[in-house]
Amino acid sequence: MKAPIVEIFSSFQGEGAWIGRRQIFIRFSGCNLSCNYCDTQESQSKDFGTLMTVDEILEDIKNLISPDLHSISFTGGEPLLYVEFINKLIEKIKFSEFGKINIKFMLETNGTLPESLAKLVGIDCVSLDIKLPEHFDDEKTHEDIFENEIKSLKFLINHNKELYCKMVVLPSSKTSTIKNMINKIMENVESKLDIMCVIQPSSPLSQWTNQNKKLFVFSEIIGECMEVLLIPQTHKLLNIK
């Protein structure tokens, strides 16, 4: 069993609820979406990665272990395209010499593959993207994407999984769009969500110079029904991976 891997490296998590944690990142290539703000466009094609076995990845992990290691992040691309491979990898790690370190596992996903998500085992935290219509050229495409994101969100909530939502906003994002999205989430899930939503301003931050007041409004809208944080991509501010 092999999967296409773009890179395996150690760094600090620069986004979301586990920000600042030392992680080993395993970036899969291949994605079922093509977001217009994507900062890892090379990962969208399965052909870009190098096919690796579970044992080959374990060897790379062994060379990246550090005393401050908190977790391993499966990112991409879209990792859920390789759910059986990830399950096997997690199993091997837990029953290897690394098992005693108590490494946690994080999944960063676009949330559009709920059936695959339901097959995943051993994940401690899920970062689930909530895409906006302006991330795509076709509005119908977004409708289908959002429907599957809701299914993934409901699955995680119903199974008491640790998760947070991440919403990438652009300077062109509209208040009405954010409000509409949040209303639809609440209509499909429940009246009050005991989960976190991270607003992530798109990079580079210089494009927000004359638009930053929007971020306050976005936060207030989301804060009506979810815990909300505003976190930019801090790894880019630090000029690290």
C-alpha atoms as a PDB file:
ATOM      1  CA  MET A   1       0.000   0.000   0.000  1.00  0.00           C
ATOM      2  CA  LYS A   2       1.366   3.398  -1.046  1.00  0.00           C
ATOM      3  CA  ALA A   3       0.171   7.001  -1.068  1.00  0.00           C
ATOM      4  CA  PRO A   4       1.526  10.120  -2.831  1.00  0.00           C
ATOM      5  CA  ILE A   5       3.381  12.344  -0.374  1.00  0.00           C
ATOM      6  CA  VAL A   6       4.524  15.889  -1.153  1.00  0.00           C
ATOM      7  CA  GLU A   7       6.605  16.384   1.972  1.00  0.00           C
ATOM      8  CA  ILE A   8       7.161  15.299   5.559  1.00  0.00           C
ATOM      9  CA  PHE A   9       8.603  17.919   7.872  1.00  0.00           C
ATOM     10  CA  SER A  10       8.651  19.216  11.441  1.00  0.00           C
ATOM     11  CA  SER A  11       7.432  22.705  12.294  1.00  0.00           C
ATOM     12  CA  PHE A  12       4.960  24.636  14.429  1.00  0.00           C
ATOM     13  CA  GLN A  13       1.262  24.528  13.653  1.00  0.00           C
ATOM     14  CA  GLY A  14       0.488  27.989  12.302  1.00  0.00           C
ATOM     15  CA  GLU A  15      -3.304  27.767  12.071  1.00  0.00           C
ATOM     16  CA  GLY A  16      -6.347  26.926  14.136  1.00  0.00           C
ATOM     17  CA  ALA A  17      -6.940  25.633  17.642  1.00  0.00           C
ATOM     18  CA  TRP A  18      -3.608  23.811  17.971  1.00  0.00           C
ATOM     19  CA  ILE A  19      -1.615  26.853  16.915  1.00  0.00           C
ATOM     20  CA  GLY A  20       1.946  26.925  18.246  1.00  0.00           C
ATOM     21  CA  ARG A  21       2.131  23.154  18.761  1.00  0.00           C
ATOM     22  CA  ARG A  22       5.204  21.376  17.440  1.00  0.00           C
ATOM     23  CA  GLN A  23       4.017  18.925  14.833  1.00  0.00           C
ATOM     24  CA  ILE A  24       5.266  16.556  12.194  1.00  0.00           C
ATOM     25  CA  PHE A  25       3.361  17.373   9.024  1.00  0.00           C
ATOM     26  CA  ILE A  26       2.586  14.689   6.464  1.00  0.00           C
ATOM     27  CA  ARG A  27       1.333  16.404   3.317  1.00  0.00           C
ATOM     28  CA  PHE A  28      -0.550  14.223   0.847  1.00  0.00           C
ATOM     29  CA  SER A  29      -0.907  15.198  -2.786  1.00  0.00           C
ATOM     30  CA  GLY A  30      -4.209  15.085  -4.600  1.00  0.00           C
ATOM     31  CA  CYS A  31      -7.327  17.121  -3.835  1.00  0.00           C
ATOM     32  CA  ASN A  32     -10.942  16.882  -4.935  1.00  0.00           C
ATOM     33  CA  LEU A  33     -11.301  20.691  -4.863  1.00  0.00           C
ATOM     34  CA  SER A  34      -9.573  23.648  -6.467  1.00  0.00           C
ATOM     35  CA  CYS A  35      -9.964  26.657  -4.178  1.00  0.00           C
ATOM     36  CA  ASN A  36      -8.873  29.957  -5.661  1.00  0.00           C
ATOM     37  CA  TYR A  37      -6.948  30.983  -2.518  1.00  0.00           C
ATOM     38  CA  CYS A  38      -5.027  27.688  -2.144  1.00  0.00           C
ATOM     39  CA  ASP A  39      -1.440  28.263  -1.015  1.00  0.00           C
ATOM     40  CA  THR A  40      -0.320  24.702  -1.779  1.00  0.00           C
ATOM     41  CA  GLN A  41      -1.546  24.400  -5.363  1.00  0.00           C
ATOM     42  CA  GLU A  42       1.155  21.871  -6.181  1.00  0.00           C
ATOM     43  CA  SER A  43      -0.576  19.497  -3.759  1.00  0.00           C
ATOM     44  CA  GLN A  44      -3.776  19.466  -5.815  1.00  0.00           C
ATOM     45  CA  SER A  45      -2.392  16.901  -8.265  1.00  0.00           C
ATOM     46  CA  LYS A  46      -1.787  13.299  -7.225  1.00  0.00           C
ATOM     47  CA  ASP A  47       1.057  13.195  -9.727  1.00  0.00           C
ATOM     48  CA  PHE A  48       3.083  15.751  -7.786  1.00  0.00           C
ATOM     49  CA  GLY A  49       3.800  13.546  -4.784  1.00  0.00           C
ATOM     50  CA  THR A  50       6.218  10.667  -4.300  1.00  0.00           C
ATOM     51  CA  LEU A  51       4.605   7.292  -3.692  1.00  0.00           C
ATOM     52  CA  MET A  52       5.617   6.095  -0.215  1.00  0.00           C
ATOM     53  CA  THR A  53       4.807   3.085   1.940  1.00  0.00           C
ATOM     54  CA  VAL A  54       3.775   3.239   5.588  1.00  0.00           C
ATOM     55  CA  ASP A  55       7.190   1.932   6.645  1.00  0.00           C
ATOM     56  CA  GLU A  56       8.993   4.583   4.602  1.00  0.00           C
ATOM     57  CA  ILE A  57       6.968   7.301   6.307  1.00  0.00           C
ATOM     58  CA  LEU A  58       7.699   5.763   9.710  1.00  0.00           C
ATOM     59  CA  GLU A  59      11.404   6.028   8.975  1.00  0.00           C
ATOM     60  CA  ASP A  60      11.020   9.733   8.168  1.00  0.00           C
ATOM     61  CA  ILE A  61       9.027  10.277  11.362  1.00  0.00           C
ATOM     62  CA  LYS A  62      11.780   8.584  13.351  1.00  0.00           C
ATOM     63  CA  ASN A  63      14.269  11.162  12.079  1.00  0.00           C
ATOM     64  CA  LEU A  64      11.969  14.077  12.975  1.00  0.00           C
ATOM     65  CA  ILE A  65      11.040  13.171  16.553  1.00  0.00           C
ATOM     66  CA  SER A  66      11.870  16.006  18.984  1.00  0.00           C
ATOM     67  CA  PRO A  67      11.337  16.437  22.747  1.00  0.00           C
ATOM     68  CA  ASP A  68       8.669  19.095  22.186  1.00  0.00           C
ATOM     69  CA  LEU A  69       6.647  17.067  19.666  1.00  0.00           C
ATOM     70  CA  HIS A  70       2.935  17.336  20.332  1.00  0.00           C
ATOM     71  CA  SER A  71       1.259  15.717  17.342  1.00  0.00           C
ATOM     72  CA  ILE A  72       1.277  14.550  13.763  1.00  0.00           C
ATOM     73  CA  SER A  73      -0.814  16.461  11.237  1.00  0.00           C
ATOM     74  CA  PHE A  74      -2.249  14.823   8.124  1.00  0.00           C
ATOM     75  CA  THR A  75      -2.706  17.593   5.592  1.00  0.00           C
ATOM     76  CA  GLY A  76      -2.731  18.112   1.860  1.00  0.00           C
ATOM     77  CA  GLY A  77      -4.177  18.264  -0.680  1.00  0.00           C
ATOM     78  CA  GLU A  78      -6.995  16.268   0.851  1.00  0.00           C
ATOM     79  CA  PRO A  79      -5.836  13.476   3.212  1.00  0.00           C
ATOM     80  CA  LEU A  80      -9.223  11.730   3.243  1.00  0.00           C
ATOM     81  CA  LEU A  81      -8.555  10.517  -0.279  1.00  0.00           C
ATOM     82  CA  TYR A  82      -6.241   8.045   1.477  1.00  0.00           C
ATOM     83  CA  VAL A  83      -8.260   7.101   4.545  1.00  0.00           C
ATOM     84  CA  GLU A  84      -7.243   3.416   4.622  1.00  0.00           C
ATOM     85  CA  PHE A  85      -3.582   4.384   4.296  1.00  0.00           C
ATOM     86  CA  ILE A  86      -3.873   6.846   7.192  1.00  0.00           C
ATOM     87  CA  ASN A  87      -5.612   4.232   9.342  1.00  0.00           C
ATOM     88  CA  LYS A  88      -2.763   1.811   8.694  1.00  0.00           C
ATOM     89  CA  LEU A  89      -0.160   4.483   9.407  1.00  0.00           C
ATOM     90  CA  ILE A  90      -1.761   5.477  12.724  1.00  0.00           C
ATOM     91  CA  GLU A  91      -2.000   1.831  13.752  1.00  0.00           C
ATOM     92  CA  LYS A  92       1.676   1.264  12.954  1.00  0.00           C
ATOM     93  CA  ILE A  93       2.761   4.377  14.849  1.00  0.00           C
ATOM     94  CA  LYS A  94       0.760   3.444  17.945  1.00  0.00           C
ATOM     95  CA  PHE A  95       2.241  -0.052  18.036  1.00  0.00           C
ATOM     96  CA  SER A  96       5.777   1.055  17.205  1.00  0.00           C
ATOM     97  CA  GLU A  97       8.496   2.521  19.414  1.00  0.00           C
ATOM     98  CA  PHE A  98       6.714   5.877  19.085  1.00  0.00           C
ATOM     99  CA  GLY A  99       3.619   4.593  20.873  1.00  0.00           C
ATOM    100  CA  LYS A 100       5.027   5.336  24.324  1.00  0.00           C
ATOM    101  CA  ILE A 101       5.496   9.008  23.404  1.00  0.00           C
ATOM    102  CA  ASN A 102       1.696   9.448  23.298  1.00  0.00           C
ATOM    103  CA  ILE A 103       1.673  11.300  20.000  1.00  0.00           C
ATOM    104  CA  LYS A 104      -1.637  12.899  19.074  1.00  0.00           C
ATOM    105  CA  PHE A 105      -3.053  12.929  15.543  1.00  0.00           C
ATOM    106  CA  MET A 106      -4.689  15.778  13.690  1.00  0.00           C
ATOM    107  CA  LEU A 107      -6.592  15.783  10.409  1.00  0.00           C
ATOM    108  CA  GLU A 108      -6.838  18.911   8.254  1.00  0.00           C
ATOM    109  CA  THR A 109      -9.683  18.359   5.787  1.00  0.00           C
ATOM    110  CA  ASN A 110     -11.990  20.243   3.449  1.00  0.00           C
ATOM    111  CA  GLY A 111     -14.856  18.204   4.909  1.00  0.00           C
ATOM    112  CA  THR A 112     -16.331  17.176   1.562  1.00  0.00           C
ATOM    113  CA  LEU A 113     -15.817  13.414   1.973  1.00  0.00           C
ATOM    114  CA  PRO A 114     -18.092  12.467   4.910  1.00  0.00           C
ATOM    115  CA  GLU A 115     -18.132   8.766   4.006  1.00  0.00           C
ATOM    116  CA  SER A 116     -14.344   8.611   4.184  1.00  0.00           C
ATOM    117  CA  LEU A 117     -14.325  10.641   7.393  1.00  0.00           C
ATOM    118  CA  ALA A 118     -16.615   8.056   8.987  1.00  0.00           C
ATOM    119  CA  LYS A 119     -14.027   5.350   8.234  1.00  0.00           C
ATOM    120  CA  LEU A 120     -11.143   7.194   9.879  1.00  0.00           C
ATOM    121  CA  VAL A 121      -9.944   5.948  13.275  1.00  0.00           C
ATOM    122  CA  GLY A 122      -7.478   7.213  15.846  1.00  0.00           C
ATOM    123  CA  ILE A 123      -7.717  10.943  15.103  1.00  0.00           C
ATOM    124  CA  ASP A 124      -7.618  13.261  18.134  1.00  0.00           C
ATOM    125  CA  CYS A 125      -8.642  16.532  16.456  1.00  0.00           C
ATOM    126  CA  VAL A 126     -10.212  17.493  13.138  1.00  0.00           C
ATOM    127  CA  SER A 127      -9.755  20.865  11.463  1.00  0.00           C
ATOM    128  CA  LEU A 128     -12.789  21.147   9.183  1.00  0.00           C
ATOM    129  CA  ASP A 129     -12.894  23.816   6.495  1.00  0.00           C
ATOM    130  CA  ILE A 130     -16.077  25.751   5.820  1.00  0.00           C
ATOM    131  CA  LYS A 131     -15.769  26.989   2.244  1.00  0.00           C
ATOM    132  CA  LEU A 132     -17.371  30.198   1.016  1.00  0.00           C
ATOM    133  CA  PRO A 133     -19.045  30.602  -2.408  1.00  0.00           C
ATOM    134  CA  GLU A 134     -16.351  33.033  -3.581  1.00  0.00           C
ATOM    135  CA  HIS A 135     -13.731  30.307  -3.175  1.00  0.00           C
ATOM    136  CA  PHE A 136     -15.074  28.768  -6.402  1.00  0.00           C
ATOM    137  CA  ASP A 137     -16.158  29.861  -9.855  1.00  0.00           C
ATOM    138  CA  ASP A 138     -19.386  27.851  -9.889  1.00  0.00           C
ATOM    139  CA  GLU A 139     -22.090  28.515  -7.282  1.00  0.00           C
ATOM    140  CA  LYS A 140     -23.600  25.051  -7.826  1.00  0.00           C
ATOM    141  CA  THR A 141     -20.220  23.537  -7.003  1.00  0.00           C
ATOM    142  CA  HIS A 142     -20.258  25.312  -3.654  1.00  0.00           C
ATOM    143  CA  GLU A 143     -23.780  24.087  -2.852  1.00  0.00           C
ATOM    144  CA  ASP A 144     -22.640  20.477  -3.200  1.00  0.00           C
ATOM    145  CA  ILE A 145     -19.482  21.153  -1.206  1.00  0.00           C
ATOM    146  CA  PHE A 146     -21.364  22.834   1.620  1.00  0.00           C
ATOM    147  CA  GLU A 147     -23.872  19.982   1.845  1.00  0.00           C
ATOM    148  CA  ASN A 148     -21.046  17.504   2.395  1.00  0.00           C
ATOM    149  CA  GLU A 149     -19.329  19.788   4.908  1.00  0.00           C
ATOM    150  CA  ILE A 150     -22.550  19.811   6.931  1.00  0.00           C
ATOM    151  CA  LYS A 151     -22.671  16.002   6.821  1.00  0.00           C
ATOM    152  CA  SER A 152     -19.078  15.835   8.075  1.00  0.00           C
ATOM    153  CA  LEU A 153     -19.776  18.378  10.804  1.00  0.00           C
ATOM    154  CA  LYS A 154     -22.858  16.487  12.008  1.00  0.00           C
ATOM    155  CA  PHE A 155     -20.944  13.206  12.046  1.00  0.00           C
ATOM    156  CA  LEU A 156     -18.156  14.643  14.175  1.00  0.00           C
ATOM    157  CA  ILE A 157     -20.580  16.284  16.603  1.00  0.00           C
ATOM    158  CA  ASN A 158     -22.736  13.168  16.937  1.00  0.00           C
ATOM    159  CA  HIS A 159     -19.652  11.074  17.698  1.00  0.00           C
ATOM    160  CA  ASN A 160     -18.208  13.587  20.188  1.00  0.00           C
ATOM    161  CA  LYS A 161     -15.039  14.155  18.197  1.00  0.00           C
ATOM    162  CA  GLU A 162     -12.766  17.081  19.025  1.00  0.00           C
ATOM    163  CA  LEU A 163     -12.996  19.523  16.153  1.00  0.00           C
ATOM    164  CA  TYR A 164     -12.961  23.118  15.106  1.00  0.00           C
ATOM    165  CA  CYS A 165     -14.142  24.784  11.939  1.00  0.00           C
ATOM    166  CA  LYS A 166     -11.856  26.992   9.879  1.00  0.00           C
ATOM    167  CA  MET A 167     -13.233  29.653   7.573  1.00  0.00           C
ATOM    168  CA  VAL A 168     -10.806  31.363   5.214  1.00  0.00           C
ATOM    169  CA  VAL A 169     -12.086  34.851   4.437  1.00  0.00           C
ATOM    170  CA  LEU A 170     -10.962  37.152   1.632  1.00  0.00           C
ATOM    171  CA  PRO A 171     -10.990  40.952   1.512  1.00  0.00           C
ATOM    172  CA  SER A 172     -13.806  40.546  -1.011  1.00  0.00           C
ATOM    173  CA  SER A 173     -15.888  38.371   1.348  1.00  0.00           C
ATOM    174  CA  LYS A 174     -19.277  39.881   2.126  1.00  0.00           C
ATOM    175  CA  THR A 175     -20.977  40.184   5.495  1.00  0.00           C
ATOM    176  CA  SER A 176     -24.180  38.829   3.971  1.00  0.00           C
ATOM    177  CA  THR A 177     -22.343  35.715   2.759  1.00  0.00           C
ATOM    178  CA  ILE A 178     -20.916  34.956   6.214  1.00  0.00           C
ATOM    179  CA  LYS A 179     -24.327  35.458   7.823  1.00  0.00           C
ATOM    180  CA  ASN A 180     -26.021  33.222   5.259  1.00  0.00           C
ATOM    181  CA  MET A 181     -23.460  30.451   5.772  1.00  0.00           C
ATOM    182  CA  ILE A 182     -23.752  30.542   9.562  1.00  0.00           C
ATOM    183  CA  ASN A 183     -27.558  30.515   9.382  1.00  0.00           C
ATOM    184  CA  LYS A 184     -27.476  27.456   7.134  1.00  0.00           C
ATOM    185  CA  ILE A 185     -25.125  25.662   9.529  1.00  0.00           C
ATOM    186  CA  MET A 186     -27.442  26.359  12.454  1.00  0.00           C
ATOM    187  CA  GLU A 187     -30.500  25.240  10.479  1.00  0.00           C
ATOM    188  CA  ASN A 188     -28.847  21.910   9.723  1.00  0.00           C
ATOM    189  CA  VAL A 189     -27.092  21.204  12.997  1.00  0.00           C
ATOM    190  CA  GLU A 190     -28.529  22.790  16.167  1.00  0.00           C
ATOM    191  CA  SER A 191     -29.346  26.118  17.741  1.00  0.00           C
ATOM    192  CA  LYS A 192     -26.057  26.580  19.593  1.00  0.00           C
ATOM    193  CA  LEU A 193     -22.801  24.874  18.661  1.00  0.00           C
ATOM    194  CA  ASP A 194     -20.331  24.090  21.425  1.00  0.00           C
ATOM    195  CA  ILE A 195     -17.452  24.183  18.971  1.00  0.00           C
ATOM    196  CA  MET A 196     -14.929  26.721  17.789  1.00  0.00           C
ATOM    197  CA  CYS A 197     -14.787  28.505  14.465  1.00  0.00           C
ATOM    198  CA  VAL A 198     -11.454  30.006  13.455  1.00  0.00           C
ATOM    199  CA  ILE A 199     -11.616  32.925  11.048  1.00  0.00           C
ATOM    200  CA  GLN A 200      -8.478  32.880   8.917  1.00  0.00           C
ATOM    201  CA  PRO A 201      -7.772  36.033   6.885  1.00  0.00           C
ATOM    202  CA  SER A 202      -6.242  35.045   3.575  1.00  0.00           C
ATOM    203  CA  SER A 203      -2.548  35.740   3.073  1.00  0.00           C
ATOM    204  CA  PRO A 204      -0.731  38.015   2.518  1.00  0.00           C
ATOM    205  CA  LEU A 205      -2.090  40.180   5.318  1.00  0.00           C
ATOM    206  CA  SER A 206      -1.053  43.341   3.480  1.00  0.00           C
ATOM    207  CA  GLN A 207      -4.180  42.947   1.326  1.00  0.00           C
ATOM    208  CA  TRP A 208      -6.291  43.609   4.438  1.00  0.00           C
ATOM    209  CA  THR A 209      -4.891  47.098   5.089  1.00  0.00           C
ATOM    210  CA  ASN A 210      -8.119  48.873   4.113  1.00  0.00           C
ATOM    211  CA  GLN A 211     -10.491  45.979   4.815  1.00  0.00           C
ATOM    212  CA  ASN A 212      -9.668  44.926   8.385  1.00  0.00           C
ATOM    213  CA  LYS A 213     -12.871  46.387   9.870  1.00  0.00           C
ATOM    214  CA  LYS A 214     -14.707  43.551   8.126  1.00  0.00           C
ATOM    215  CA  LEU A 215     -12.981  41.057  10.397  1.00  0.00           C
ATOM    216  CA  PHE A 216     -14.687  42.527  13.458  1.00  0.00           C
ATOM    217  CA  VAL A 217     -18.079  42.159  11.800  1.00  0.00           C
ATOM    218  CA  PHE A 218     -17.359  38.589  10.681  1.00  0.00           C
ATOM    219  CA  SER A 219     -16.364  37.680  14.239  1.00  0.00           C
ATOM    220  CA  GLU A 220     -19.529  39.201  15.700  1.00  0.00           C
ATOM    221  CA  ILE A 221     -21.741  37.284  13.266  1.00  0.00           C
ATOM    222  CA  ILE A 222     -20.111  33.929  13.944  1.00  0.00           C
ATOM    223  CA  GLY A 223     -19.903  34.661  17.683  1.00  0.00           C
ATOM    224  CA  GLU A 224     -23.685  34.659  17.931  1.00  0.00           C
ATOM    225  CA  CYS A 225     -23.740  30.873  17.701  1.00  0.00           C
ATOM    226  CA  MET A 226     -20.165  29.551  17.975  1.00  0.00           C
ATOM    227  CA  GLU A 227     -16.996  30.258  19.893  1.00  0.00           C
ATOM    228  CA  VAL A 228     -14.882  32.289  17.489  1.00  0.00           C
ATOM    229  CA  LEU A 229     -11.199  33.129  17.115  1.00  0.00           C
ATOM    230  CA  LEU A 230      -9.389  35.252  14.544  1.00  0.00           C
ATOM    231  CA  ILE A 231      -6.031  33.682  13.652  1.00  0.00           C
ATOM    232  CA  PRO A 232      -3.939  34.490  10.568  1.00  0.00           C
ATOM    233  CA  GLN A 233      -1.383  32.051   9.185  1.00  0.00           C
ATOM    234  CA  THR A 234       1.289  32.672  11.796  1.00  0.00           C
ATOM    235  CA  HIS A 235       3.858  30.401  10.163  1.00  0.00           C
ATOM    236  CA  LYS A 236       3.930  32.827   7.256  1.00  0.00           C
ATOM    237  CA  LEU A 237       4.507  35.729   9.642  1.00  0.00           C
ATOM    238  CA  LEU A 238       7.442  33.798  11.094  1.00  0.00           C
ATOM    239  CA  ASN A 239       8.663  32.845   7.610  1.00  0.00           C
ATOM    240  CA  ILE A 240       8.681  29.122   8.406  1.00  0.00           C
ATOM    241  CA  LYS A 241       6.894  26.177   6.817  1.00  0.00           C
END
